[in-house]
């Protein structure tokens, strides 16, 4: 699955596809947190969330690392500029649990370390058990759990903050 996989920087022309990929990944694991009163409201909230992902990808495209194989976008990740904070890591649902997320995370951790930071930091929704288990397997520990307002979702959500010490082992 991972042979011939390429990690590269995104182009702004891919913002629509990258936003749709992130929305599909989010939707496959987190749809249940949108609890509006009516179906019409749910659909408009989903459309607004998709648009938010696409706009984010337009603005962040120079910093986004894309995982691609034979022209197929498999996932992407990004770190906030001049920080050790991983703001996003998304893998298309059909490529999850196949090593794509692990490769993206490893690359972004290398970038963080090269920028002079010895700890990487991220947050995820507290109900996203799959993501939390993934990050724990990759060496992250939960350092905080609490409620934060999500501008993207327009509501308060429970989050966990996780950290990992980035260390180079002497051999």
N, C-alpha and C. Protein backbone atom coordinates (compact mmCIF):
# COMPACT_ATOMS: atom_id res chain seq x y z
N UNK A 1 0.82 -1.20 0.00
CA UNK A 1 0.00 0.00 0.00
C UNK A 1 0.86 1.26 0.00
N UNK A 2 1.97 1.25 0.75
CA UNK A 2 2.77 2.46 0.89
C UNK A 2 3.87 2.60 -0.16
N UNK A 3 4.11 1.54 -0.96
CA UNK A 3 5.10 1.68 -2.01
C UNK A 3 4.59 2.69 -3.05
N UNK A 4 5.51 3.48 -3.55
CA UNK A 4 5.22 4.54 -4.52
C UNK A 4 4.39 5.69 -3.92
N UNK A 5 4.28 5.75 -2.61
CA UNK A 5 3.58 6.87 -1.97
C UNK A 5 4.55 8.04 -1.89
N UNK A 6 4.07 9.21 -2.24
CA UNK A 6 4.88 10.43 -2.24
C UNK A 6 4.36 11.39 -1.19
N UNK A 7 5.28 11.99 -0.44
CA UNK A 7 4.94 13.08 0.47
C UNK A 7 5.49 14.35 -0.16
N UNK A 8 4.63 15.36 -0.34
CA UNK A 8 5.04 16.60 -1.01
C UNK A 8 4.20 17.76 -0.49
N UNK A 9 4.58 18.95 -0.85
CA UNK A 9 3.82 20.15 -0.49
C UNK A 9 2.59 20.27 -1.39
N UNK A 10 1.53 20.80 -0.82
CA UNK A 10 0.29 21.01 -1.57
C UNK A 10 0.40 22.23 -2.45
N UNK A 11 -0.45 22.26 -3.45
CA UNK A 11 -0.59 23.48 -4.25
C UNK A 11 -1.98 24.07 -3.96
N UNK A 12 -2.10 25.36 -4.15
CA UNK A 12 -3.38 26.02 -3.88
C UNK A 12 -4.49 25.47 -4.78
N UNK A 13 -4.11 24.97 -5.94
CA UNK A 13 -5.10 24.41 -6.87
C UNK A 13 -5.77 23.15 -6.30
N UNK A 14 -5.15 22.55 -5.29
CA UNK A 14 -5.71 21.33 -4.68
C UNK A 14 -6.60 21.61 -3.47
N UNK A 15 -6.79 22.87 -3.13
CA UNK A 15 -7.51 23.22 -1.90
C UNK A 15 -8.90 22.60 -1.84
N UNK A 16 -9.62 22.60 -2.94
CA UNK A 16 -10.96 22.02 -2.96
C UNK A 16 -10.90 20.52 -2.62
N UNK A 17 -10.02 19.79 -3.30
CA UNK A 17 -9.91 18.35 -3.06
C UNK A 17 -9.42 18.04 -1.66
N UNK A 18 -8.45 18.82 -1.17
CA UNK A 18 -7.94 18.60 0.17
C UNK A 18 -9.01 18.88 1.22
N UNK A 19 -9.79 19.93 1.00
CA UNK A 19 -10.90 20.23 1.91
C UNK A 19 -11.94 19.13 1.92
N UNK A 20 -12.24 18.59 0.75
CA UNK A 20 -13.21 17.48 0.68
C UNK A 20 -12.67 16.22 1.35
N UNK A 21 -11.38 15.96 1.19
CA UNK A 21 -10.76 14.81 1.84
C UNK A 21 -10.86 14.95 3.36
N UNK A 22 -10.50 16.13 3.88
CA UNK A 22 -10.57 16.35 5.33
C UNK A 22 -12.00 16.23 5.84
N UNK A 23 -12.95 16.79 5.09
CA UNK A 23 -14.34 16.69 5.50
C UNK A 23 -14.80 15.23 5.54
N UNK A 24 -14.43 14.45 4.54
CA UNK A 24 -14.81 13.03 4.52
C UNK A 24 -14.21 12.28 5.70
N UNK A 25 -12.95 12.59 6.03
CA UNK A 25 -12.31 11.94 7.17
C UNK A 25 -13.00 12.36 8.47
N UNK A 26 -13.28 13.65 8.61
CA UNK A 26 -13.98 14.14 9.79
C UNK A 26 -15.37 13.49 9.88
N UNK A 27 -16.07 13.48 8.78
CA UNK A 27 -17.44 12.98 8.74
C UNK A 27 -17.50 11.49 9.10
N UNK A 28 -16.49 10.73 8.70
CA UNK A 28 -16.52 9.30 8.97
C UNK A 28 -16.33 8.98 10.45
N UNK A 29 -15.73 9.91 11.20
CA UNK A 29 -15.49 9.61 12.61
C UNK A 29 -16.20 10.55 13.58
N UNK A 30 -16.63 11.72 13.13
CA UNK A 30 -17.14 12.72 14.06
C UNK A 30 -18.51 13.29 13.74
N UNK A 31 -19.20 12.76 12.78
CA UNK A 31 -20.51 13.28 12.38
C UNK A 31 -21.46 13.43 13.56
N UNK A 32 -21.37 12.53 14.54
CA UNK A 32 -22.31 12.51 15.65
C UNK A 32 -22.25 13.76 16.54
N UNK A 33 -21.20 14.57 16.44
CA UNK A 33 -21.16 15.74 17.32
C UNK A 33 -22.03 16.88 16.82
N UNK A 34 -22.45 16.84 15.56
CA UNK A 34 -23.39 17.83 15.06
C UNK A 34 -24.79 17.35 15.44
N UNK A 35 -25.44 18.07 16.34
CA UNK A 35 -26.75 17.64 16.82
C UNK A 35 -27.78 18.76 16.68
N UNK A 36 -28.04 19.19 15.49
CA UNK A 36 -29.03 20.26 15.32
C UNK A 36 -30.45 19.73 15.48
N UNK A 37 -31.37 20.66 15.58
CA UNK A 37 -32.77 20.32 15.80
C UNK A 37 -33.46 19.73 14.57
N UNK A 38 -33.05 20.14 13.38
CA UNK A 38 -33.74 19.71 12.17
C UNK A 38 -32.73 19.26 11.12
N UNK A 39 -33.19 18.38 10.23
CA UNK A 39 -32.33 17.88 9.17
C UNK A 39 -31.82 18.99 8.26
N UNK A 40 -32.64 20.00 8.01
CA UNK A 40 -32.22 21.11 7.15
C UNK A 40 -31.05 21.85 7.80
N UNK A 41 -31.11 22.00 9.09
CA UNK A 41 -30.01 22.65 9.81
C UNK A 41 -28.75 21.79 9.73
N UNK A 42 -28.91 20.48 9.85
CA UNK A 42 -27.76 19.58 9.78
C UNK A 42 -27.06 19.72 8.43
N UNK A 43 -27.83 19.74 7.35
CA UNK A 43 -27.23 19.83 6.02
C UNK A 43 -26.51 21.16 5.84
N UNK A 44 -27.10 22.25 6.31
CA UNK A 44 -26.42 23.55 6.18
C UNK A 44 -25.16 23.60 7.04
N UNK A 45 -25.18 22.96 8.22
CA UNK A 45 -23.97 22.92 9.06
C UNK A 45 -22.88 22.09 8.38
N UNK A 46 -23.26 21.00 7.74
CA UNK A 46 -22.29 20.16 7.04
C UNK A 46 -21.68 20.93 5.86
N UNK A 47 -22.49 21.65 5.11
CA UNK A 47 -21.99 22.45 3.99
C UNK A 47 -21.05 23.55 4.49
N UNK A 48 -21.39 24.19 5.60
CA UNK A 48 -20.54 25.23 6.17
C UNK A 48 -19.21 24.64 6.63
N UNK A 49 -19.24 23.45 7.19
CA UNK A 49 -18.01 22.81 7.65
C UNK A 49 -17.12 22.44 6.47
N UNK A 50 -17.71 21.91 5.41
CA UNK A 50 -16.94 21.61 4.20
C UNK A 50 -16.27 22.88 3.66
N UNK A 51 -17.02 23.96 3.59
CA UNK A 51 -16.47 25.23 3.12
C UNK A 51 -15.33 25.70 4.03
N UNK A 52 -15.48 25.51 5.34
CA UNK A 52 -14.41 25.89 6.27
C UNK A 52 -13.13 25.10 5.99
N UNK A 53 -13.27 23.81 5.75
CA UNK A 53 -12.10 22.99 5.42
C UNK A 53 -11.45 23.50 4.13
N UNK A 54 -12.25 23.80 3.12
CA UNK A 54 -11.70 24.26 1.85
C UNK A 54 -11.00 25.60 2.00
N UNK A 55 -11.59 26.53 2.73
CA UNK A 55 -10.96 27.83 2.95
C UNK A 55 -9.66 27.69 3.74
N UNK A 56 -9.66 26.80 4.73
CA UNK A 56 -8.43 26.54 5.48
C UNK A 56 -7.34 26.06 4.53
N UNK A 57 -7.69 25.15 3.63
CA UNK A 57 -6.69 24.60 2.69
C UNK A 57 -6.18 25.65 1.72
N UNK A 58 -7.02 26.58 1.33
CA UNK A 58 -6.55 27.68 0.48
C UNK A 58 -5.49 28.48 1.22
N UNK A 59 -5.78 28.84 2.46
CA UNK A 59 -4.86 29.68 3.24
C UNK A 59 -3.59 28.95 3.66
N UNK A 60 -3.70 27.67 3.96
CA UNK A 60 -2.56 26.92 4.50
C UNK A 60 -1.81 26.12 3.44
N UNK A 61 -2.25 26.15 2.20
CA UNK A 61 -1.69 25.25 1.19
C UNK A 61 -0.16 25.24 1.10
N UNK A 62 0.54 26.36 1.25
CA UNK A 62 2.01 26.28 1.15
C UNK A 62 2.64 25.43 2.26
N UNK A 63 1.96 25.27 3.38
CA UNK A 63 2.52 24.52 4.51
C UNK A 63 1.98 23.09 4.61
N UNK A 64 1.00 22.74 3.79
CA UNK A 64 0.38 21.41 3.87
C UNK A 64 1.28 20.37 3.22
N UNK A 65 1.46 19.25 3.92
CA UNK A 65 2.15 18.10 3.36
C UNK A 65 1.08 17.10 2.91
N UNK A 66 1.16 16.70 1.66
CA UNK A 66 0.19 15.79 1.05
C UNK A 66 0.80 14.41 0.89
N UNK A 67 0.00 13.38 1.18
CA UNK A 67 0.38 12.00 0.85
C UNK A 67 -0.40 11.64 -0.41
N UNK A 68 0.33 11.21 -1.44
CA UNK A 68 -0.27 10.95 -2.75
C UNK A 68 0.35 9.67 -3.32
N UNK A 69 -0.48 8.92 -4.02
CA UNK A 69 0.01 7.73 -4.71
C UNK A 69 -0.66 7.67 -6.07
N UNK A 70 0.16 7.66 -7.11
CA UNK A 70 -0.34 7.57 -8.49
C UNK A 70 -1.44 8.60 -8.77
N UNK A 71 -1.24 9.82 -8.29
CA UNK A 71 -2.20 10.90 -8.54
C UNK A 71 -3.39 10.92 -7.61
N UNK A 72 -3.50 9.97 -6.68
CA UNK A 72 -4.62 9.92 -5.74
C UNK A 72 -4.19 10.53 -4.41
N UNK A 73 -4.93 11.55 -3.96
CA UNK A 73 -4.66 12.16 -2.66
C UNK A 73 -5.15 11.21 -1.58
N UNK A 74 -4.25 10.86 -0.65
CA UNK A 74 -4.58 9.91 0.40
C UNK A 74 -4.75 10.58 1.77
N UNK A 75 -4.08 11.71 1.97
CA UNK A 75 -4.17 12.41 3.24
C UNK A 75 -3.30 13.64 3.23
N UNK A 76 -3.38 14.41 4.32
CA UNK A 76 -2.55 15.59 4.44
C UNK A 76 -2.42 16.00 5.90
N UNK A 77 -1.36 16.78 6.16
CA UNK A 77 -1.13 17.29 7.51
C UNK A 77 -0.51 18.67 7.42
N UNK A 78 -0.62 19.42 8.53
CA UNK A 78 -0.04 20.76 8.57
C UNK A 78 0.25 21.15 10.01
N UNK A 79 1.32 21.91 10.16
CA UNK A 79 1.73 22.46 11.45
C UNK A 79 1.54 23.97 11.36
N UNK A 80 1.08 24.58 12.47
CA UNK A 80 0.95 26.03 12.46
C UNK A 80 2.33 26.67 12.28
N UNK A 81 2.41 27.76 11.53
CA UNK A 81 3.70 28.41 11.28
C UNK A 81 4.42 28.80 12.56
N UNK A 82 5.72 28.59 12.57
CA UNK A 82 6.59 28.96 13.68
C UNK A 82 6.10 28.42 15.02
N UNK A 83 5.68 27.16 15.01
CA UNK A 83 5.24 26.53 16.25
C UNK A 83 5.44 25.02 16.14
N UNK A 84 5.17 24.34 17.24
CA UNK A 84 5.25 22.88 17.27
C UNK A 84 3.85 22.28 17.31
N UNK A 85 2.84 23.08 16.95
CA UNK A 85 1.44 22.66 17.04
C UNK A 85 0.96 22.07 15.71
N UNK A 86 0.62 20.80 15.72
CA UNK A 86 0.06 20.13 14.54
C UNK A 86 -1.43 20.42 14.55
N UNK A 87 -1.87 21.26 13.63
CA UNK A 87 -3.28 21.67 13.62
C UNK A 87 -4.18 20.66 12.92
N UNK A 88 -3.63 19.94 11.95
CA UNK A 88 -4.47 19.03 11.16
C UNK A 88 -3.67 17.83 10.69
N UNK A 89 -4.31 16.68 10.72
CA UNK A 89 -3.81 15.47 10.08
C UNK A 89 -5.04 14.68 9.66
N UNK A 90 -5.23 14.54 8.36
CA UNK A 90 -6.42 13.90 7.81
C UNK A 90 -6.01 12.81 6.83
N UNK A 91 -6.66 11.67 6.93
CA UNK A 91 -6.44 10.58 5.98
C UNK A 91 -7.82 10.18 5.44
N UNK A 92 -7.92 10.08 4.11
CA UNK A 92 -9.19 9.69 3.49
C UNK A 92 -9.64 8.37 4.11
N UNK A 93 -10.95 8.22 4.36
CA UNK A 93 -11.44 7.02 5.04
C UNK A 93 -10.97 5.71 4.42
N UNK A 94 -10.89 5.62 3.11
CA UNK A 94 -10.50 4.35 2.47
C UNK A 94 -9.03 4.02 2.65
N UNK A 95 -8.22 5.00 3.12
CA UNK A 95 -6.79 4.76 3.33
C UNK A 95 -6.40 4.74 4.81
N UNK A 96 -7.37 4.87 5.69
CA UNK A 96 -7.06 4.85 7.12
C UNK A 96 -6.63 3.45 7.54
N UNK A 97 -5.79 3.41 8.58
CA UNK A 97 -5.26 2.15 9.13
C UNK A 97 -4.39 1.39 8.14
N UNK A 98 -3.72 2.13 7.25
CA UNK A 98 -2.83 1.52 6.26
C UNK A 98 -1.43 2.13 6.31
N UNK A 99 -1.14 2.96 7.30
CA UNK A 99 0.19 3.54 7.46
C UNK A 99 0.35 4.94 6.92
N UNK A 100 -0.66 5.48 6.25
CA UNK A 100 -0.57 6.82 5.66
C UNK A 100 -0.44 7.88 6.76
N UNK A 101 -1.29 7.78 7.77
CA UNK A 101 -1.23 8.74 8.87
C UNK A 101 0.10 8.70 9.60
N UNK A 102 0.64 7.51 9.77
CA UNK A 102 1.93 7.34 10.43
C UNK A 102 3.03 8.05 9.63
N UNK A 103 3.02 7.90 8.31
CA UNK A 103 4.02 8.58 7.47
C UNK A 103 3.87 10.10 7.54
N UNK A 104 2.64 10.58 7.46
CA UNK A 104 2.41 12.03 7.54
C UNK A 104 2.85 12.58 8.89
N UNK A 105 2.51 11.86 9.96
CA UNK A 105 2.88 12.32 11.29
C UNK A 105 4.39 12.33 11.45
N UNK A 106 5.06 11.28 10.97
CA UNK A 106 6.52 11.24 11.04
C UNK A 106 7.17 12.40 10.32
N UNK A 107 6.65 12.74 9.15
CA UNK A 107 7.22 13.86 8.38
C UNK A 107 7.02 15.19 9.10
N UNK A 108 5.83 15.40 9.63
CA UNK A 108 5.57 16.68 10.30
C UNK A 108 6.37 16.79 11.59
N UNK A 109 6.57 15.66 12.28
CA UNK A 109 7.42 15.67 13.47
C UNK A 109 8.87 16.01 13.11
N UNK A 110 9.36 15.49 11.99
CA UNK A 110 10.71 15.84 11.53
C UNK A 110 10.81 17.33 11.25
N UNK A 111 9.79 17.88 10.59
CA UNK A 111 9.79 19.32 10.29
C UNK A 111 9.80 20.15 11.58
N UNK A 112 9.03 19.73 12.58
CA UNK A 112 8.97 20.43 13.86
C UNK A 112 10.34 20.38 14.54
N UNK A 113 10.95 19.20 14.54
CA UNK A 113 12.26 19.04 15.17
C UNK A 113 13.31 19.89 14.47
N UNK A 114 13.30 19.87 13.14
CA UNK A 114 14.26 20.68 12.37
C UNK A 114 14.08 22.18 12.62
N UNK A 115 12.86 22.57 12.97
CA UNK A 115 12.60 23.98 13.26
C UNK A 115 13.05 24.37 14.67
N UNK A 116 13.58 23.40 15.43
CA UNK A 116 14.15 23.71 16.73
C UNK A 116 13.30 23.37 17.93
N UNK A 117 12.20 22.69 17.73
CA UNK A 117 11.33 22.31 18.85
C UNK A 117 11.61 20.87 19.25
N UNK A 118 11.51 20.59 20.55
CA UNK A 118 11.75 19.22 21.00
C UNK A 118 10.47 18.53 21.47
N UNK A 119 9.33 19.21 21.33
CA UNK A 119 8.04 18.63 21.68
C UNK A 119 7.05 18.99 20.59
N UNK A 120 6.26 18.01 20.14
CA UNK A 120 5.16 18.32 19.22
C UNK A 120 3.86 18.26 20.02
N UNK A 121 2.92 19.10 19.61
CA UNK A 121 1.67 19.28 20.33
C UNK A 121 0.52 19.20 19.34
N UNK A 122 -0.59 18.59 19.78
CA UNK A 122 -1.79 18.57 18.94
C UNK A 122 -3.00 18.47 19.84
N UNK A 123 -4.16 18.73 19.27
CA UNK A 123 -5.43 18.55 19.98
C UNK A 123 -6.36 17.78 19.06
N UNK A 124 -7.23 17.00 19.69
CA UNK A 124 -8.25 16.29 18.94
C UNK A 124 -9.51 16.24 19.79
N UNK A 125 -10.61 15.94 19.15
CA UNK A 125 -11.88 15.85 19.86
C UNK A 125 -11.80 14.71 20.86
N UNK A 126 -12.28 14.94 22.06
CA UNK A 126 -12.20 13.93 23.13
C UNK A 126 -13.00 12.67 22.81
N UNK A 127 -13.99 12.78 21.91
CA UNK A 127 -14.79 11.61 21.54
C UNK A 127 -14.19 10.84 20.35
N UNK A 128 -13.09 11.32 19.80
CA UNK A 128 -12.48 10.67 18.64
C UNK A 128 -11.48 9.61 19.13
N UNK A 129 -12.04 8.51 19.60
CA UNK A 129 -11.23 7.44 20.17
C UNK A 129 -10.21 6.87 19.21
N UNK A 130 -10.55 6.77 17.93
CA UNK A 130 -9.61 6.25 16.95
C UNK A 130 -8.37 7.13 16.84
N UNK A 131 -8.56 8.44 16.80
CA UNK A 131 -7.42 9.36 16.71
C UNK A 131 -6.59 9.30 17.98
N UNK A 132 -7.25 9.28 19.12
CA UNK A 132 -6.52 9.24 20.39
C UNK A 132 -5.69 7.97 20.48
N UNK A 133 -6.25 6.84 20.13
CA UNK A 133 -5.50 5.57 20.15
C UNK A 133 -4.32 5.63 19.18
N UNK A 134 -4.52 6.19 18.00
CA UNK A 134 -3.44 6.33 17.02
C UNK A 134 -2.29 7.15 17.59
N UNK A 135 -2.61 8.32 18.16
CA UNK A 135 -1.55 9.18 18.67
C UNK A 135 -0.84 8.54 19.86
N UNK A 136 -1.55 7.82 20.71
CA UNK A 136 -0.90 7.12 21.83
C UNK A 136 0.07 6.07 21.29
N UNK A 137 -0.35 5.32 20.27
CA UNK A 137 0.56 4.33 19.66
C UNK A 137 1.81 5.00 19.09
N UNK A 138 1.68 6.24 18.66
CA UNK A 138 2.80 6.97 18.08
C UNK A 138 3.62 7.72 19.13
N UNK A 139 3.33 7.51 20.41
CA UNK A 139 4.15 8.07 21.48
C UNK A 139 3.62 9.32 22.15
N UNK A 140 2.41 9.74 21.84
CA UNK A 140 1.82 10.93 22.45
C UNK A 140 1.15 10.56 23.77
N UNK A 141 1.11 11.54 24.67
CA UNK A 141 0.40 11.37 25.94
C UNK A 141 -0.59 12.51 26.09
N UNK A 142 -1.70 12.24 26.74
CA UNK A 142 -2.71 13.27 27.00
C UNK A 142 -2.20 14.12 28.15
N UNK A 143 -2.14 15.44 27.93
CA UNK A 143 -1.67 16.35 28.96
C UNK A 143 -2.77 17.29 29.46
N UNK A 144 -3.91 17.30 28.77
CA UNK A 144 -5.01 18.19 29.16
C UNK A 144 -6.30 17.67 28.53
N UNK A 145 -7.38 17.84 29.25
CA UNK A 145 -8.71 17.54 28.72
C UNK A 145 -9.64 18.64 29.20
N UNK A 146 -10.39 19.23 28.30
CA UNK A 146 -11.29 20.30 28.68
C UNK A 146 -12.17 20.72 27.52
N UNK A 147 -12.91 21.78 27.72
CA UNK A 147 -13.86 22.27 26.72
C UNK A 147 -13.30 23.53 26.09
N UNK A 148 -13.37 23.59 24.76
CA UNK A 148 -12.93 24.76 24.00
C UNK A 148 -14.00 25.09 22.96
N UNK A 149 -14.05 26.34 22.57
CA UNK A 149 -14.96 26.75 21.50
C UNK A 149 -14.29 26.47 20.16
N UNK A 150 -14.99 25.77 19.29
CA UNK A 150 -14.49 25.49 17.95
C UNK A 150 -15.11 26.50 16.98
N UNK A 151 -14.25 27.36 16.42
CA UNK A 151 -14.75 28.32 15.43
C UNK A 151 -15.29 27.59 14.21
N UNK A 152 -14.63 26.50 13.82
CA UNK A 152 -15.05 25.77 12.64
C UNK A 152 -16.44 25.16 12.82
N UNK A 153 -16.71 24.63 14.02
CA UNK A 153 -18.01 24.00 14.28
C UNK A 153 -19.02 24.97 14.86
N UNK A 154 -18.55 26.11 15.36
CA UNK A 154 -19.45 27.09 15.94
C UNK A 154 -20.07 26.63 17.24
N UNK A 155 -19.38 25.79 17.99
CA UNK A 155 -19.90 25.30 19.26
C UNK A 155 -18.75 24.89 20.17
N UNK A 156 -19.06 24.74 21.46
CA UNK A 156 -18.08 24.28 22.42
C UNK A 156 -17.96 22.77 22.30
N UNK A 157 -16.73 22.27 22.31
CA UNK A 157 -16.51 20.83 22.22
C UNK A 157 -15.44 20.41 23.22
N UNK A 158 -15.53 19.16 23.63
CA UNK A 158 -14.53 18.62 24.54
C UNK A 158 -13.33 18.17 23.73
N UNK A 159 -12.15 18.60 24.16
CA UNK A 159 -10.91 18.31 23.44
C UNK A 159 -9.91 17.68 24.39
N UNK A 160 -8.93 17.01 23.79
CA UNK A 160 -7.76 16.57 24.52
C UNK A 160 -6.54 17.17 23.84
N UNK A 161 -5.59 17.60 24.66
CA UNK A 161 -4.30 18.08 24.15
C UNK A 161 -3.30 16.96 24.42
N UNK A 162 -2.50 16.67 23.40
CA UNK A 162 -1.52 15.61 23.49
C UNK A 162 -0.15 16.16 23.12
N UNK A 163 0.88 15.58 23.73
CA UNK A 163 2.24 16.01 23.43
C UNK A 163 3.14 14.79 23.26
N UNK A 164 4.21 15.00 22.50
CA UNK A 164 5.23 13.97 22.32
C UNK A 164 6.60 14.64 22.34
N UNK A 165 7.50 14.11 23.14
CA UNK A 165 8.88 14.59 23.16
C UNK A 165 9.58 14.03 21.95
N UNK A 166 10.19 14.92 21.16
CA UNK A 166 10.91 14.53 19.96
C UNK A 166 12.38 14.42 20.32
N UNK A 167 12.91 13.22 20.26
CA UNK A 167 14.26 12.98 20.73
C UNK A 167 15.04 12.25 19.64
N UNK A 168 16.28 12.64 19.49
CA UNK A 168 17.18 11.93 18.61
C UNK A 168 18.00 11.00 19.49
N UNK A 169 17.95 9.71 19.19
CA UNK A 169 18.68 8.74 19.98
C UNK A 169 20.09 8.56 19.42
N UNK A 170 21.08 8.61 20.33
CA UNK A 170 22.46 8.39 19.93
C UNK A 170 22.67 6.89 19.71
N UNK A 171 23.43 6.54 18.70
CA UNK A 171 23.69 5.12 18.42
C UNK A 171 25.17 4.85 18.53
